[in-house]
Amino acid sequence: MQAIGKAGMPSGHGTGRAVCAFLMLLAAILMVTPGSAAEVSGKLLWTYTADNDVADLAISSDGDLIAAVDLSNNLLLLDHSGTLKEKYPTQYRPLAVDVAPGGERIIFGTQNGGVTVVNGQADLVWATSLGSPAQAVAIAAGKGPAAAGSQNNRLSLLDADGTTLWTLGTTGGVTAVGIPAKGDIIASGTSQNNLALFSDQGGELWNIGLDGAVEDLAVSENGSTIAVVTSRYRLVVCDRQGNKRWETSLTVAPHSVGISPEGSYVVVGATDGKVTLFSESGSPLHVFSMGGKVHGVDLTTGAEWVVAGAEDNRIALFEGVPAGPRTPTPTPTATVTATTGPTEPGPTGTVVVPVTGDLTIRSIPPGAAISLDGSPKGTTPLTLIGLSPGPHTVVIMAEGYDQALQEVNISAGMTATVAVELAPETLPSPTGTPLIAAILVGVLAAGIAIIWRYGLR
């Protein structure tokens, strides 16, 4: 039965409330600005199943060697295809592992305080003991030093033969360490929320407090960038001087972090089995999925490959940012007479000193057109070589996306990287009014007419 209002007209209060609610909901939907693109799952290349949970892992810069330790007390050495090459017994429960940039040495620490270094064929190089669980290790390139941190608040630097160069006391147990290829600095994170940087002589360069205990840290191969994750769900990226480049809050507790050798990309492994790859500006690029808590992550140069190890016994290799072909840009090089310095002279007594630099350009999505200083160069991903040192302007364009413009400085003998995530293009209505606003005005006008029709004036 239809209710009768005071004027003998059908009461519109119920209908009006429904109409108003509908209009408010529709307006809210229309007014919400679309967010960033949904998470993109990276391509899984292969998996390897270990005998037990993977405690930690690392990968060489070129991806030719992956070292992992599992809770069956094994050090596993795999090649880039996931084939097991060597298995080395750790004797005690392993806690951490690292690989020298060229894959020539592997270091691992164990629960009984042992620190061991083997070569790429799993032959013993040296072994020593810290006297307390060695829960953090890192190793430099070639015959450079190795760093190790223990649960009893000690940070040590050891030479190529395993001899202790120095040991320092820390505020809290050392939970993570990192060292660049040259071995000239050592980064240390502790359970008491401290991130510190030391010289290879043991002098403290800086010490900063973080929001939460350090879960893990990583130092880029060139020593320019440090990435750290904390127990308070924070990811912090800073430079060699301790200045924060960017930081972000994570939605799930992080457990491991890795950084690309050139410092452009960061990868985080979390307790929910997710592995997230971030660009150098802090934008998530890919999300990979493992079957358990991720205990170790690492990545190769340019984030071409991302490796992860988890509690589901699996080691997985994912495709990160595909590497592009190297397109030569001819530029003369200078030949000078060798005088002093470490460069080895050639047969004629001369050395070639680079006077040009390279530039690697990547984008999400790939396949975007590249313009360098106003000249088209191809599509992403792409590496341009032989560029003149100094400032250059890069423009990256793709249909349906706003173009990105970035200034980059090229240095002789170095490779610069430009990595961008293009934003979807925003299309205006024909009259210049945003399309959402135009639709909203029409809907609201129709709603007013409906309310008027039912007598709610």
Protein backbone atom coordinates (compact mmCIF):
# COMPACT_ATOMS: atom_id res chain seq x y z
CA MET A 1 0.00 0.00 0.00
CA GLN A 2 1.27 3.43 -0.90
CA ALA A 3 1.74 5.87 2.01
CA ILE A 4 -0.12 9.21 1.82
CA GLY A 5 1.54 12.45 2.80
CA LYS A 6 -0.03 15.48 4.43
CA ALA A 7 -1.06 17.00 1.11
CA GLY A 8 -2.53 13.78 -0.13
CA MET A 9 0.42 13.22 -2.43
CA PRO A 10 2.55 10.07 -2.44
CA SER A 11 5.29 10.46 0.18
CA GLY A 12 8.69 10.66 -1.44
CA HIS A 13 10.90 10.52 1.65
CA GLY A 14 11.90 6.89 1.19
CA THR A 15 12.33 7.26 -2.54
CA GLY A 16 14.25 10.51 -2.06
CA ARG A 17 16.66 8.95 0.39
CA ALA A 18 17.32 6.10 -2.00
CA VAL A 19 17.81 8.46 -4.93
CA CYS A 20 20.12 10.72 -2.92
CA ALA A 21 22.16 7.76 -1.72
CA PHE A 22 22.44 6.51 -5.27
CA LEU A 23 23.59 9.90 -6.51
CA MET A 24 26.15 10.28 -3.74
CA LEU A 25 27.58 6.82 -4.42
CA LEU A 26 27.75 7.44 -8.15
CA ALA A 27 29.36 10.82 -7.65
CA ALA A 28 31.96 9.34 -5.34
CA ILE A 29 32.79 6.64 -7.88
CA LEU A 30 33.10 9.17 -10.68
CA MET A 31 35.16 11.61 -8.67
CA VAL A 32 37.77 9.09 -7.56
CA THR A 33 40.92 9.54 -9.60
CA PRO A 34 42.16 6.23 -10.96
CA GLY A 35 45.29 5.05 -9.10
CA SER A 36 48.45 3.63 -10.49
CA ALA A 37 48.42 0.51 -12.59
CA ALA A 38 47.75 -2.79 -10.85
CA GLU A 39 50.69 -4.84 -9.67
CA VAL A 40 52.46 -6.51 -12.56
CA SER A 41 53.73 -10.01 -11.92
CA GLY A 42 57.17 -10.56 -13.39
CA LYS A 43 58.03 -13.53 -15.56
CA LEU A 44 59.28 -16.63 -13.74
CA LEU A 45 62.30 -18.10 -15.53
CA TRP A 46 62.98 -21.14 -13.37
CA THR A 47 62.86 -22.61 -9.86
CA TYR A 48 65.21 -24.93 -8.01
CA THR A 49 64.06 -26.96 -5.00
CA ALA A 50 66.59 -27.20 -2.17
CA ASP A 51 66.65 -29.87 0.53
CA ASN A 52 65.21 -27.46 3.09
CA ASP A 53 64.16 -23.84 3.63
CA VAL A 54 66.46 -21.32 1.98
CA ALA A 55 68.10 -19.14 4.66
CA ASP A 56 69.78 -16.60 2.35
CA LEU A 57 71.15 -16.19 -1.16
CA ALA A 58 73.11 -13.87 -3.45
CA ILE A 59 73.90 -13.55 -7.15
CA SER A 60 76.96 -12.32 -9.06
CA SER A 61 76.66 -9.07 -11.01
CA ASP A 62 76.36 -10.86 -14.35
CA GLY A 63 74.02 -13.56 -13.02
CA ASP A 64 76.36 -16.45 -13.86
CA LEU A 65 76.58 -17.65 -10.25
CA ILE A 66 73.92 -17.95 -7.56
CA ALA A 67 74.91 -18.95 -4.04
CA ALA A 68 72.29 -20.07 -1.51
CA VAL A 69 72.37 -21.66 1.94
CA ASP A 70 69.60 -23.92 3.22
CA LEU A 71 68.62 -25.27 6.63
CA SER A 72 69.97 -28.70 5.74
CA ASN A 73 73.39 -27.09 6.24
CA ASN A 74 74.28 -26.82 2.57
CA LEU A 75 75.88 -24.14 0.46
CA LEU A 76 74.45 -24.46 -3.06
CA LEU A 77 76.12 -23.01 -6.15
CA LEU A 78 73.88 -22.73 -9.23
CA ASP A 79 74.47 -21.29 -12.67
CA HIS A 80 72.20 -18.84 -14.51
CA SER A 81 70.01 -21.67 -15.81
CA GLY A 82 69.28 -23.05 -12.34
CA THR A 83 71.59 -26.04 -12.67
CA LEU A 84 73.30 -27.12 -9.46
CA LYS A 85 77.06 -26.95 -9.94
CA GLU A 86 78.41 -27.52 -6.45
CA LYS A 87 77.14 -28.42 -2.97
CA TYR A 88 79.31 -27.62 0.03
CA PRO A 89 78.49 -28.75 3.59
CA THR A 90 78.37 -25.83 6.05
CA GLN A 91 78.51 -28.21 9.07
CA TYR A 92 76.44 -25.83 11.20
CA ARG A 93 73.23 -23.96 10.50
CA PRO A 94 73.98 -21.22 7.95
CA LEU A 95 72.65 -17.73 8.60
CA ALA A 96 73.94 -15.55 5.75
CA VAL A 97 75.75 -15.72 2.41
CA ASP A 98 77.25 -13.31 -0.12
CA VAL A 99 78.94 -13.52 -3.50
CA ALA A 100 81.81 -11.36 -4.74
CA PRO A 101 80.69 -9.25 -7.75
CA GLY A 102 82.54 -11.45 -10.24
CA GLY A 103 81.51 -14.71 -8.58
CA GLU A 104 85.12 -15.59 -7.76
CA ARG A 105 84.51 -15.98 -4.00
CA ILE A 106 81.57 -16.90 -1.77
CA ILE A 107 81.32 -16.17 1.96
CA PHE A 108 78.88 -17.63 4.48
CA GLY A 109 78.32 -17.30 8.23
CA THR A 110 76.94 -19.96 10.57
CA GLN A 111 75.14 -20.29 13.89
CA ASN A 112 78.31 -21.38 15.75
CA GLY A 113 80.12 -18.17 14.73
CA GLY A 114 81.97 -19.63 11.78
CA VAL A 115 82.83 -17.49 8.74
CA THR A 116 83.97 -19.41 5.67
CA VAL A 117 85.10 -18.36 2.18
CA VAL A 118 85.20 -20.73 -0.79
CA ASN A 119 85.95 -20.13 -4.45
CA GLY A 120 83.59 -20.56 -7.39
CA GLN A 121 84.35 -24.30 -7.50
CA ALA A 122 83.49 -24.67 -3.78
CA ASP A 123 87.11 -25.15 -2.75
CA LEU A 124 87.94 -23.84 0.72
CA VAL A 125 89.86 -20.55 0.75
CA TRP A 126 89.81 -19.81 4.48
CA ALA A 127 87.70 -20.20 7.60
CA THR A 128 87.61 -18.43 10.96
CA SER A 129 85.29 -17.93 13.94
CA LEU A 130 83.69 -14.84 15.47
CA GLY A 131 82.76 -16.62 18.69
CA SER A 132 79.08 -15.72 18.29
CA PRO A 133 76.47 -16.39 15.58
CA ALA A 134 77.72 -14.82 12.34
CA GLN A 135 74.38 -13.49 11.15
CA ALA A 136 75.72 -11.03 8.58
CA VAL A 137 78.49 -11.35 5.96
CA ALA A 138 79.63 -9.49 2.83
CA ILE A 139 82.63 -9.76 0.51
CA ALA A 140 84.38 -7.39 -1.90
CA ALA A 141 85.69 -8.13 -5.40
CA GLY A 142 88.91 -9.94 -6.25
CA LYS A 143 91.19 -10.20 -3.25
CA GLY A 144 89.39 -7.44 -1.38
CA PRO A 145 88.30 -7.67 2.26
CA ALA A 146 85.25 -9.35 3.78
CA ALA A 147 82.98 -8.01 6.51
CA ALA A 148 81.18 -10.03 9.16
CA GLY A 149 78.80 -9.07 11.96
CA SER A 150 77.89 -11.12 15.00
CA GLN A 151 75.11 -11.36 17.50
CA ASN A 152 77.41 -10.26 20.33
CA ASN A 153 77.63 -6.65 19.08
CA ARG A 154 80.79 -7.03 17.00
CA LEU A 155 81.66 -5.93 13.46
CA SER A 156 84.86 -7.32 11.90
CA LEU A 157 86.83 -6.73 8.71
CA LEU A 158 88.97 -9.58 7.42
CA ASP A 159 91.59 -9.61 4.66
CA ALA A 160 91.84 -11.97 1.68
CA ASP A 161 93.43 -14.66 3.89
CA GLY A 162 90.87 -14.44 6.67
CA THR A 163 93.08 -12.47 9.04
CA THR A 164 91.14 -10.02 11.18
CA LEU A 165 92.08 -6.43 10.30
CA TRP A 166 89.92 -4.86 13.00
CA THR A 167 86.90 -5.51 15.21
CA LEU A 168 84.56 -2.82 16.53
CA GLY A 169 81.89 -2.85 19.19
CA THR A 170 78.38 -1.89 18.03
CA THR A 171 75.19 -0.73 19.71
CA GLY A 172 73.17 -3.92 19.48
CA GLY A 173 73.73 -7.12 17.58
CA VAL A 174 74.83 -6.73 13.97
CA THR A 175 71.94 -7.93 11.82
CA ALA A 176 73.22 -6.91 8.38
CA VAL A 177 76.42 -5.75 6.65
CA GLY A 178 77.29 -4.59 3.16
CA ILE A 179 80.49 -3.82 1.27
CA PRO A 180 81.10 -2.45 -2.28
CA ALA A 181 83.39 -4.02 -4.86
CA LYS A 182 86.40 -1.92 -3.82
CA GLY A 183 85.96 -2.77 -0.16
CA ASP A 184 86.67 0.81 0.90
CA ILE A 185 83.55 1.23 3.07
CA ILE A 186 81.49 -1.08 5.26
CA ALA A 187 77.81 -0.54 6.11
CA SER A 188 76.43 -2.06 9.30
CA GLY A 189 72.86 -2.34 10.62
CA THR A 190 71.94 -3.36 14.14
CA SER A 191 69.06 -4.58 16.26
CA GLN A 192 69.08 -1.20 18.05
CA ASN A 193 67.85 0.77 15.01
CA ASN A 194 71.29 1.99 13.91
CA LEU A 195 72.71 2.24 10.39
CA ALA A 196 76.40 3.15 10.31
CA LEU A 197 79.14 3.47 7.70
CA PHE A 198 82.81 2.76 8.41
CA SER A 199 85.99 3.25 6.41
CA ASP A 200 88.21 0.27 5.62
CA GLN A 201 90.47 1.54 8.43
CA GLY A 202 87.68 1.16 10.98
CA GLY A 203 86.78 4.83 11.38
CA GLU A 204 83.09 5.64 11.74
CA LEU A 205 81.99 7.93 8.89
CA TRP A 206 78.40 8.40 10.06
CA ASN A 207 75.71 6.78 12.17
CA ILE A 208 71.99 7.42 11.83
CA GLY A 209 68.95 6.20 13.74
CA LEU A 210 66.17 4.43 11.88
CA ASP A 211 62.53 3.70 12.56
CA GLY A 212 62.90 0.11 13.71
CA ALA A 213 65.59 -2.55 13.93
CA VAL A 214 67.54 -3.27 10.76
CA GLU A 215 66.24 -6.45 9.14
CA ASP A 216 68.63 -6.35 6.19
CA LEU A 217 70.73 -3.97 4.10
CA ALA A 218 72.54 -3.92 0.78
CA VAL A 219 75.29 -1.74 -0.71
CA SER A 220 75.59 -1.17 -4.45
CA GLU A 221 78.71 -2.53 -6.13
CA ASN A 222 79.95 1.00 -6.86
CA GLY A 223 79.37 2.07 -3.26
CA SER A 224 77.07 4.94 -4.18
CA THR A 225 73.82 3.66 -2.65
CA ILE A 226 72.66 1.82 0.47
CA ALA A 227 69.23 0.23 0.88
CA VAL A 228 67.88 -0.92 4.24
CA VAL A 229 64.62 -2.43 5.52
CA THR A 230 63.48 -2.23 9.14
CA SER A 231 61.18 -4.04 11.54
CA ARG A 232 58.79 -1.07 11.39
CA TYR A 233 57.96 -1.80 7.74
CA ARG A 234 60.26 0.91 6.33
CA LEU A 235 62.41 0.83 3.19
CA VAL A 236 65.09 3.53 3.23
CA VAL A 237 67.53 4.29 0.40
CA CYS A 238 70.41 6.67 1.08
CA ASP A 239 73.65 7.75 -0.53
CA ARG A 240 77.23 7.21 0.57
CA GLN A 241 77.06 10.32 2.76
CA GLY A 242 74.01 9.06 4.65
CA ASN A 243 71.55 11.41 2.92
CA LYS A 244 68.17 9.82 2.25
CA ARG A 245 67.33 9.57 -1.45
CA TRP A 246 63.88 8.16 -0.86
CA GLU A 247 61.96 6.03 1.59
CA THR A 248 58.59 4.33 1.69
CA SER A 249 56.29 2.45 4.02
CA LEU A 250 55.70 -1.23 3.25
CA THR A 251 52.38 -2.95 3.85
CA VAL A 252 53.93 -6.26 4.93
CA ALA A 253 56.92 -6.93 7.17
CA PRO A 254 60.12 -6.99 5.07
CA HIS A 255 62.81 -9.57 5.71
CA SER A 256 65.42 -9.09 2.98
CA VAL A 257 66.65 -6.44 0.57
CA GLY A 258 68.95 -6.31 -2.44
CA ILE A 259 70.29 -3.57 -4.69
CA SER A 260 71.52 -3.65 -8.29
CA PRO A 261 75.29 -3.21 -8.78
CA GLU A 262 74.88 0.30 -10.23
CA GLY A 263 72.44 1.29 -7.48
CA SER A 264 69.44 2.02 -9.72
CA TYR A 265 67.05 -0.69 -8.51
CA VAL A 266 66.06 -2.13 -5.13
CA VAL A 267 64.28 -5.42 -4.41
CA VAL A 268 62.51 -6.34 -1.16
CA GLY A 269 61.44 -9.77 0.07
CA ALA A 270 58.57 -9.93 2.57
CA THR A 271 57.10 -12.35 5.07
CA ASP A 272 54.01 -12.92 2.89
CA GLY A 273 56.11 -14.41 0.09
CA LYS A 274 56.01 -11.32 -2.13
CA VAL A 275 59.11 -9.88 -3.81
CA THR A 276 58.83 -6.26 -4.98
CA LEU A 277 61.17 -4.56 -7.43
CA PHE A 278 61.47 -0.77 -7.07
CA SER A 279 62.84 1.80 -9.52
CA GLU A 280 65.49 4.33 -8.51
CA SER A 281 62.70 6.83 -7.77
CA GLY A 282 60.94 4.41 -5.41
CA SER A 283 58.13 3.32 -7.76
CA PRO A 284 57.15 -0.38 -7.64
CA LEU A 285 57.89 -1.97 -11.02
CA HIS A 286 57.12 -5.66 -10.52
CA VAL A 287 55.76 -7.94 -7.83
CA PHE A 288 56.85 -11.58 -7.82
CA SER A 289 55.39 -14.33 -5.67
CA MET A 290 57.07 -17.08 -3.67
CA GLY A 291 55.45 -19.84 -1.63
CA GLY A 292 56.73 -18.76 1.79
CA LYS A 293 58.59 -16.13 3.79
CA VAL A 294 61.35 -14.68 1.61
CA HIS A 295 64.70 -14.96 3.39
CA GLY A 296 66.95 -13.72 0.60
CA VAL A 297 66.74 -11.52 -2.51
CA ASP A 298 69.30 -10.12 -4.93
CA LEU A 299 69.51 -8.79 -8.49
CA THR A 300 71.93 -8.38 -11.37
CA THR A 301 73.13 -5.30 -13.19
CA GLY A 302 70.21 -3.20 -14.40
CA ALA A 303 67.79 -5.52 -12.56
CA GLU A 304 67.70 -7.79 -15.60
CA TRP A 305 67.31 -10.81 -13.28
CA VAL A 306 65.88 -11.00 -9.77
CA VAL A 307 66.58 -14.02 -7.56
CA ALA A 308 64.74 -15.00 -4.38
CA GLY A 309 64.86 -17.79 -1.81
CA ALA A 310 62.05 -18.71 0.57
CA GLU A 311 60.79 -21.04 3.29
CA ASP A 312 59.16 -23.26 0.69
CA ASN A 313 62.61 -24.72 -0.17
CA ARG A 314 62.60 -22.87 -3.48
CA ILE A 315 65.13 -20.68 -5.25
CA ALA A 316 63.49 -18.76 -8.09
CA LEU A 317 64.84 -16.56 -10.86
CA PHE A 318 62.56 -13.90 -12.35
CA GLU A 319 62.91 -11.56 -15.29
CA GLY A 320 63.12 -8.01 -13.98
CA VAL A 321 63.86 -5.23 -16.47
CA PRO A 322 64.79 -6.79 -19.83
CA ALA A 323 68.17 -5.68 -21.13
CA GLY A 324 68.18 -4.02 -24.53
CA PRO A 325 70.62 -4.39 -27.41
CA ARG A 326 73.76 -2.29 -27.33
CA THR A 327 73.48 0.24 -30.14
CA PRO A 328 76.88 1.80 -30.97
CA THR A 329 77.10 5.56 -31.39
CA PRO A 330 80.55 6.13 -33.00
CA THR A 331 82.69 8.67 -31.15
CA PRO A 332 86.49 8.95 -31.39
CA THR A 333 88.64 7.76 -28.49
CA ALA A 334 91.97 9.27 -27.45
CA THR A 335 95.28 7.43 -27.41
CA VAL A 336 97.79 8.75 -24.90
CA THR A 337 101.20 7.71 -23.69
CA ALA A 338 101.11 5.69 -20.48
CA THR A 339 102.84 7.43 -17.58
CA THR A 340 101.54 6.55 -14.12
CA GLY A 341 98.42 4.85 -12.80
CA PRO A 342 97.05 1.35 -12.62
CA THR A 343 96.14 1.02 -16.32
CA GLU A 344 98.29 -1.64 -17.96
CA PRO A 345 100.07 -0.47 -21.15
CA GLY A 346 99.58 -2.30 -24.41
CA PRO A 347 102.25 -3.80 -26.67
CA THR A 348 103.17 -0.40 -28.15
CA GLY A 349 103.46 1.34 -24.78
CA THR A 350 100.18 3.21 -25.17
CA VAL A 351 96.84 2.89 -23.45
CA VAL A 352 93.39 3.82 -24.63
CA VAL A 353 91.69 6.19 -22.19
CA PRO A 354 87.90 6.37 -22.62
CA VAL A 355 86.57 9.82 -23.41
CA THR A 356 82.99 8.71 -23.89
CA GLY A 357 80.26 7.18 -21.72
CA ASP A 358 77.27 4.91 -22.15
CA LEU A 359 73.58 5.34 -21.36
CA THR A 360 71.07 2.59 -20.58
CA ILE A 361 67.41 3.56 -20.97
CA ARG A 362 64.51 1.45 -19.70
CA SER A 363 60.82 2.11 -19.29
CA ILE A 364 57.59 0.63 -18.02
CA PRO A 365 55.99 -0.25 -20.39
CA PRO A 366 58.88 -1.29 -22.67
CA GLY A 367 58.87 -0.43 -26.36
CA ALA A 368 58.65 3.34 -25.82
CA ALA A 369 60.30 5.63 -28.37
CA ILE A 370 63.53 7.32 -27.30
CA SER A 371 64.78 10.75 -28.31
CA LEU A 372 68.25 11.89 -27.24
CA ASP A 373 69.00 15.59 -27.60
CA GLY A 374 66.20 15.85 -30.16
CA SER A 375 67.28 12.86 -32.30
CA PRO A 376 65.34 9.55 -32.38
CA LYS A 377 67.40 6.61 -31.12
CA GLY A 378 65.10 3.58 -31.04
CA THR A 379 62.87 2.02 -28.39
CA THR A 380 63.27 0.88 -24.80
CA PRO A 381 65.07 -1.02 -23.44
CA LEU A 382 68.21 0.31 -25.14
CA THR A 383 71.87 1.01 -24.35
CA LEU A 384 73.59 3.82 -26.24
CA ILE A 385 77.37 3.71 -26.19
CA GLY A 386 80.04 6.21 -27.12
CA LEU A 387 78.20 9.33 -25.95
CA SER A 388 80.06 12.57 -25.30
CA PRO A 389 80.46 13.48 -21.61
CA GLY A 390 78.21 16.17 -20.22
CA PRO A 391 74.47 16.86 -19.97
CA HIS A 392 71.99 15.21 -22.34
CA THR A 393 68.22 15.37 -22.64
CA VAL A 394 66.25 12.13 -22.89
CA VAL A 395 62.59 12.05 -23.96
CA ILE A 396 60.65 8.78 -23.70
CA MET A 397 57.28 8.50 -25.48
CA ALA A 398 54.62 5.81 -25.87
CA GLU A 399 51.11 5.93 -27.29
CA GLY A 400 48.52 6.33 -24.54
CA TYR A 401 51.06 7.65 -22.01
CA ASP A 402 52.40 11.04 -21.05
CA GLN A 403 55.90 11.58 -22.32
CA ALA A 404 58.77 11.64 -19.81
CA LEU A 405 61.65 14.11 -20.07
CA GLN A 406 64.80 13.60 -18.06
CA GLU A 407 68.18 15.29 -17.94
CA VAL A 408 71.15 12.95 -17.52
CA ASN A 409 74.85 13.61 -17.12
CA ILE A 410 77.26 11.31 -18.96
CA SER A 411 80.73 10.68 -17.52
CA ALA A 412 83.66 9.24 -19.47
CA GLY A 413 84.13 5.53 -18.90
CA MET A 414 80.84 5.21 -16.97
CA THR A 415 77.35 3.92 -17.76
CA ALA A 416 74.44 6.11 -16.71
CA THR A 417 70.91 4.70 -16.35
CA VAL A 418 67.52 6.28 -17.00
CA ALA A 419 64.56 4.22 -15.80
CA VAL A 420 61.04 5.64 -15.88
CA GLU A 421 57.49 4.42 -15.40
CA LEU A 422 55.27 6.28 -17.86
CA ALA A 423 51.99 7.67 -16.53
CA PRO A 424 48.79 6.86 -18.44
CA GLU A 425 47.66 9.79 -20.56
CA THR A 426 44.72 11.85 -19.24
CA LEU A 427 42.25 12.62 -22.04
CA PRO A 428 40.20 15.88 -21.84
CA SER A 429 36.64 16.17 -23.08
CA PRO A 430 36.08 18.01 -26.43
CA THR A 431 35.14 21.25 -24.64
CA GLY A 432 38.16 21.13 -22.39
CA THR A 433 36.16 20.09 -19.30
CA PRO A 434 37.44 16.84 -17.74
CA LEU A 435 35.30 13.94 -18.84
CA ILE A 436 34.53 12.80 -15.29
CA ALA A 437 33.29 16.28 -14.34
CA ALA A 438 31.05 16.44 -17.44
CA ILE A 439 29.48 13.07 -16.65
CA LEU A 440 29.01 14.06 -13.03
CA VAL A 441 27.18 17.27 -13.97
CA GLY A 442 24.80 15.32 -16.21
CA VAL A 443 24.11 12.71 -13.53
CA LEU A 444 23.44 15.33 -10.87
CA ALA A 445 21.09 17.20 -13.22
CA ALA A 446 19.15 14.01 -13.86
CA GLY A 447 19.01 13.36 -10.12
CA ILE A 448 17.57 16.78 -9.42
CA ALA A 449 14.86 16.14 -12.01
CA ILE A 450 13.98 12.82 -10.35
CA ILE A 451 13.75 14.43 -6.92
CA TRP A 452 11.56 17.21 -8.33
CA ARG A 453 9.31 14.64 -10.01
CA TYR A 454 8.63 12.98 -6.61
CA GLY A 455 7.75 16.24 -4.92
CA LEU A 456 10.89 16.73 -2.78
CA ARG A 457 11.16 20.45 -3.43
